[in-house]
Protein backbone atom coordinates (compact mmCIF):
# COMPACT_ATOMS: atom_id res chain seq x y z
CA UNK A 1 -5.35 3.12 12.24
CA UNK A 2 -6.34 1.51 8.94
CA UNK A 3 -6.63 3.89 6.03
CA UNK A 4 -8.97 3.15 3.08
CA UNK A 5 -9.30 6.66 1.76
CA UNK A 6 -10.26 5.65 -1.80
CA UNK A 7 -13.33 3.67 -0.75
CA UNK A 8 -15.81 6.56 -0.49
CA UNK A 9 -16.02 9.55 -2.82
CA UNK A 10 -17.20 12.77 -1.14
CA UNK A 11 -18.69 15.29 -3.57
CA UNK A 12 -18.67 18.98 -2.57
CA UNK A 13 -18.49 22.47 -4.02
CA UNK A 14 -15.24 24.41 -3.69
CA UNK A 15 -16.79 27.39 -1.86
CA UNK A 16 -19.74 27.73 0.54
CA UNK A 17 -21.31 30.68 2.29
CA UNK A 18 -20.82 30.68 6.06
CA UNK A 19 -24.38 31.83 6.68
CA UNK A 20 -26.07 29.11 4.62
CA UNK A 21 -26.77 25.44 5.12
CA UNK A 22 -24.62 23.26 2.88
CA UNK A 23 -25.32 20.03 1.04
CA UNK A 24 -22.70 17.43 0.22
CA UNK A 25 -22.93 13.95 -1.26
CA UNK A 26 -21.01 10.73 -0.95
CA UNK A 27 -20.97 7.43 -2.77
CA UNK A 28 -19.21 4.12 -2.39
CA UNK A 29 -16.65 3.18 -5.02
CA UNK A 30 -17.80 0.16 -7.05
CA UNK A 31 -14.71 -1.91 -6.36
CA UNK A 32 -15.56 -1.96 -2.65
CA UNK A 33 -18.73 -4.02 -3.00
CA UNK A 34 -19.05 -5.03 0.64
CA UNK A 35 -18.97 -1.43 1.92
CA UNK A 36 -22.26 0.29 2.77
CA UNK A 37 -23.49 2.98 5.13
CA UNK A 38 -23.92 2.04 8.79
CA UNK A 39 -25.49 3.82 11.73
CA UNK A 40 -22.05 4.06 13.33
CA UNK A 41 -20.48 5.75 10.27
CA UNK A 42 -19.89 9.49 10.24
CA UNK A 43 -18.92 12.39 8.01
CA UNK A 44 -17.07 15.23 9.71
CA UNK A 45 -15.58 18.57 8.72
CA UNK A 46 -11.98 19.30 9.67
CA UNK A 47 -9.41 21.97 9.00
CA UNK A 48 -6.95 20.70 6.43
CA UNK A 49 -3.90 19.44 8.31
CA UNK A 50 -1.18 16.83 7.96
CA UNK A 51 -1.39 16.22 11.70
CA UNK A 52 -5.15 15.83 12.18
CA UNK A 53 -6.81 14.93 15.48
CA UNK A 54 -10.07 13.14 14.67
CA UNK A 55 -11.63 14.39 17.88
CA UNK A 56 -11.19 18.03 16.82
CA UNK A 57 -13.89 18.18 14.15
CA UNK A 58 -15.79 21.36 13.28
CA UNK A 59 -19.09 19.62 12.46
CA UNK A 60 -20.20 16.01 12.21
CA UNK A 61 -23.15 13.99 10.89
CA UNK A 62 -23.84 10.42 12.02
CA UNK A 63 -26.52 7.78 11.37
CA UNK A 64 -25.68 7.87 7.68
CA UNK A 65 -27.69 4.69 7.08
CA UNK A 66 -30.94 6.67 7.32
CA UNK A 67 -30.08 8.51 4.10
CA UNK A 68 -31.51 7.03 0.87
CA UNK A 69 -29.20 6.97 -2.14
CA UNK A 70 -30.19 8.40 -5.52
CA UNK A 71 -30.30 6.23 -8.63
CA UNK A 72 -26.65 7.16 -9.17
CA UNK A 73 -25.68 5.86 -5.74
CA UNK A 74 -25.20 9.30 -4.20
CA UNK A 75 -26.20 9.85 -0.59
CA UNK A 76 -27.18 13.42 0.33
CA UNK A 77 -26.05 14.91 3.67
CA UNK A 78 -27.02 18.38 4.91
CA UNK A 79 -25.10 20.54 7.39
CA UNK A 80 -27.04 23.46 8.85
CA UNK A 81 -25.61 26.92 9.51
CA UNK A 82 -25.71 26.45 13.30
CA UNK A 83 -23.48 23.39 12.90
CA UNK A 84 -20.96 25.50 10.97
CA UNK A 85 -20.87 28.49 13.34
CA UNK A 86 -17.19 27.85 14.20
CA UNK A 87 -15.85 27.81 10.64
CA UNK A 88 -13.47 30.59 9.62
CA UNK A 89 -13.61 32.38 6.29
CA UNK A 90 -11.08 31.41 3.65
CA UNK A 91 -9.51 28.65 5.72
CA UNK A 92 -9.06 25.30 3.95
CA UNK A 93 -11.36 22.54 5.24
CA UNK A 94 -12.09 18.99 4.17
CA UNK A 95 -14.67 16.31 4.89
CA UNK A 96 -13.75 12.84 6.12
CA UNK A 97 -15.89 9.69 6.00
CA UNK A 98 -15.13 7.27 8.82
CA UNK A 99 -16.53 4.43 10.89
CA UNK A 100 -16.79 3.64 14.60
CA UNK A 101 -13.17 2.44 14.65
CA UNK A 102 -12.01 5.75 13.12
CA UNK A 103 -11.02 4.03 9.90
CA UNK A 104 -11.06 6.68 7.19
CA UNK A 105 -12.78 5.61 3.97
CA UNK A 106 -12.90 8.92 2.11
CA UNK A 107 -11.52 12.48 2.09
CA UNK A 108 -12.98 15.34 0.07
CA UNK A 109 -10.98 17.91 -1.85
CA UNK A 110 -10.30 21.13 0.13
CA UNK A 111 -13.17 23.59 0.45
CA UNK A 112 -13.47 27.15 1.74
CA UNK A 113 -16.15 29.27 3.39
CA UNK A 114 -16.78 32.96 2.73
CA UNK A 115 -19.26 35.47 4.11
CA UNK A 116 -22.38 36.07 2.08
CA UNK A 117 -22.21 39.77 2.90
CA UNK A 118 -19.04 41.88 3.25
CA UNK A 119 -17.15 39.32 1.18
CA UNK A 120 -14.49 41.93 0.56
CA UNK A 121 -13.05 41.00 3.97
CA UNK A 122 -12.67 37.31 3.10
CA UNK A 123 -9.08 37.42 1.98
CA UNK A 124 -7.21 34.28 0.84
CA UNK A 125 -5.15 32.58 3.49
CA UNK A 126 -2.09 32.13 1.28
CA UNK A 127 1.43 32.00 2.62
CA UNK A 128 2.90 33.32 -0.65
CA UNK A 129 0.65 36.35 -0.53
CA UNK A 130 1.57 36.95 3.09
CA UNK A 131 5.26 36.79 2.15
CA UNK A 132 4.67 39.38 -0.53
CA UNK A 133 2.71 41.59 1.91
CA UNK A 134 -0.35 41.43 -0.30
CA UNK A 135 -2.95 40.61 2.35
CA UNK A 136 -5.39 43.12 0.83
CA UNK A 137 -5.60 41.19 -2.46
CA UNK A 138 -8.80 39.34 -3.26
CA UNK A 139 -8.51 35.90 -4.86
CA UNK A 140 -9.87 35.27 -8.34
CA UNK A 141 -11.82 32.36 -6.89
CA UNK A 142 -13.56 34.77 -4.54
CA UNK A 143 -14.29 37.20 -7.36
CA UNK A 144 -15.79 34.43 -9.48
CA UNK A 145 -17.92 33.32 -6.54
CA UNK A 146 -19.18 36.88 -5.99
CA UNK A 147 -19.99 37.34 -9.67
CA UNK A 148 -21.88 34.05 -9.64
CA UNK A 149 -23.82 35.14 -6.56
CA UNK A 150 -24.63 38.53 -8.13
CA UNK A 151 -25.82 36.77 -11.28
CA UNK A 152 -28.04 34.49 -9.20
CA UNK A 153 -29.55 37.48 -7.34
CA UNK A 154 -30.12 39.31 -10.64
CA UNK A 155 -31.92 36.27 -12.02
CA UNK A 156 -34.08 36.06 -8.90
CA UNK A 157 -34.90 39.78 -9.17
CA UNK A 158 -35.91 39.33 -12.82
CA UNK A 159 -38.18 36.42 -11.85
CA UNK A 160 -39.76 38.53 -9.12
CA UNK A 161 -40.43 41.35 -11.60
CA UNK A 162 -42.03 38.91 -14.05
CA UNK A 163 -44.23 37.42 -11.32
CA UNK A 164 -45.14 40.92 -10.11
CA UNK A 165 -46.22 41.95 -13.61
CA UNK A 166 -48.24 38.75 -13.94
CA UNK A 167 -50.01 39.50 -10.66
CA UNK A 168 -50.73 43.10 -11.72
CA UNK A 169 -52.10 41.89 -15.05
CA UNK A 170 -54.25 39.30 -13.30
CA UNK A 171 -55.61 41.95 -10.90
CA UNK A 172 -56.54 44.18 -13.85
CA UNK A 173 -58.39 41.33 -15.56
CA UNK A 174 -60.20 40.55 -12.30
CA UNK A 175 -61.22 44.19 -11.91
CA UNK A 176 -62.60 44.26 -15.46
CA UNK A 177 -64.47 41.02 -14.84
CA UNK A 178 -65.83 42.36 -11.55
CA UNK A 179 -67.08 45.56 -13.22
CA UNK A 180 -68.74 43.52 -15.97
CA UNK A 181 -70.43 41.36 -13.33
CA UNK A 182 -71.66 44.46 -11.50
CA UNK A 183 -73.21 45.76 -14.74
CA UNK A 184 -74.92 42.39 -15.31
CA UNK A 185 -76.23 42.35 -11.73
CA UNK A 186 -77.52 45.89 -12.08
CA UNK A 187 -79.32 45.04 -15.33
CA UNK A 188 -80.84 41.96 -13.75
CA UNK A 189 -82.08 44.03 -10.81
CA UNK A 190 -83.62 46.58 -13.18
CA UNK A 191 -85.29 43.82 -15.15
CA UNK A 192 -86.71 42.27 -11.95
CA UNK A 193 -87.99 45.66 -10.80
CA UNK A 194 -89.69 46.28 -14.15
CA UNK A 195 -91.13 42.78 -14.07
CA UNK A 196 -92.63 43.21 -10.58
CA UNK A 197 -94.09 46.57 -11.62
CA UNK A 198 -95.82 44.95 -14.62
CA UNK A 199 -97.09 42.12 -12.43
CA UNK A 200 -98.69 44.62 -10.06
CA UNK A 201 -100.56 46.51 -12.78
């Protein structure tokens, strides 16, 4: 099998949440000018292994030609959570870009998946830690990911509070405007009543 693993660059994050859809990108290296996406090309997710069976993928996307590249030559590919239902937390995975002849044109760096909730149970799969009987240790990478997620949630909460206060303020202004309109309507009605009374005299 021909191997051209430096022809396509696959861009990913290092960690993804199991429960979420994930976006990755790929682009063709400039020196391979004749290479471009074809309908028969594919990007698939595999467990990292030195003895990989290409038929044993975890998830796969095909018809890559339908994707439109950005101005930087990056093609976006999305994998949905139902496609990733068989991934295991804190196991090393990698993406491969290949064609119909199973020629590999690109391999991503290793990535991992963790649970969005109960992340405390996503321990690192590390042989050195297992040797030292430290299976209950949590990796620094996981801690950083959790802190980042907490920061994101805190930012979203702050935005929600700001929007809530804006809505409350808008409601107050509308109530004031409505009361002013009611006063105007009442005065107009009184004026019309007085006018009709004078007309009937």
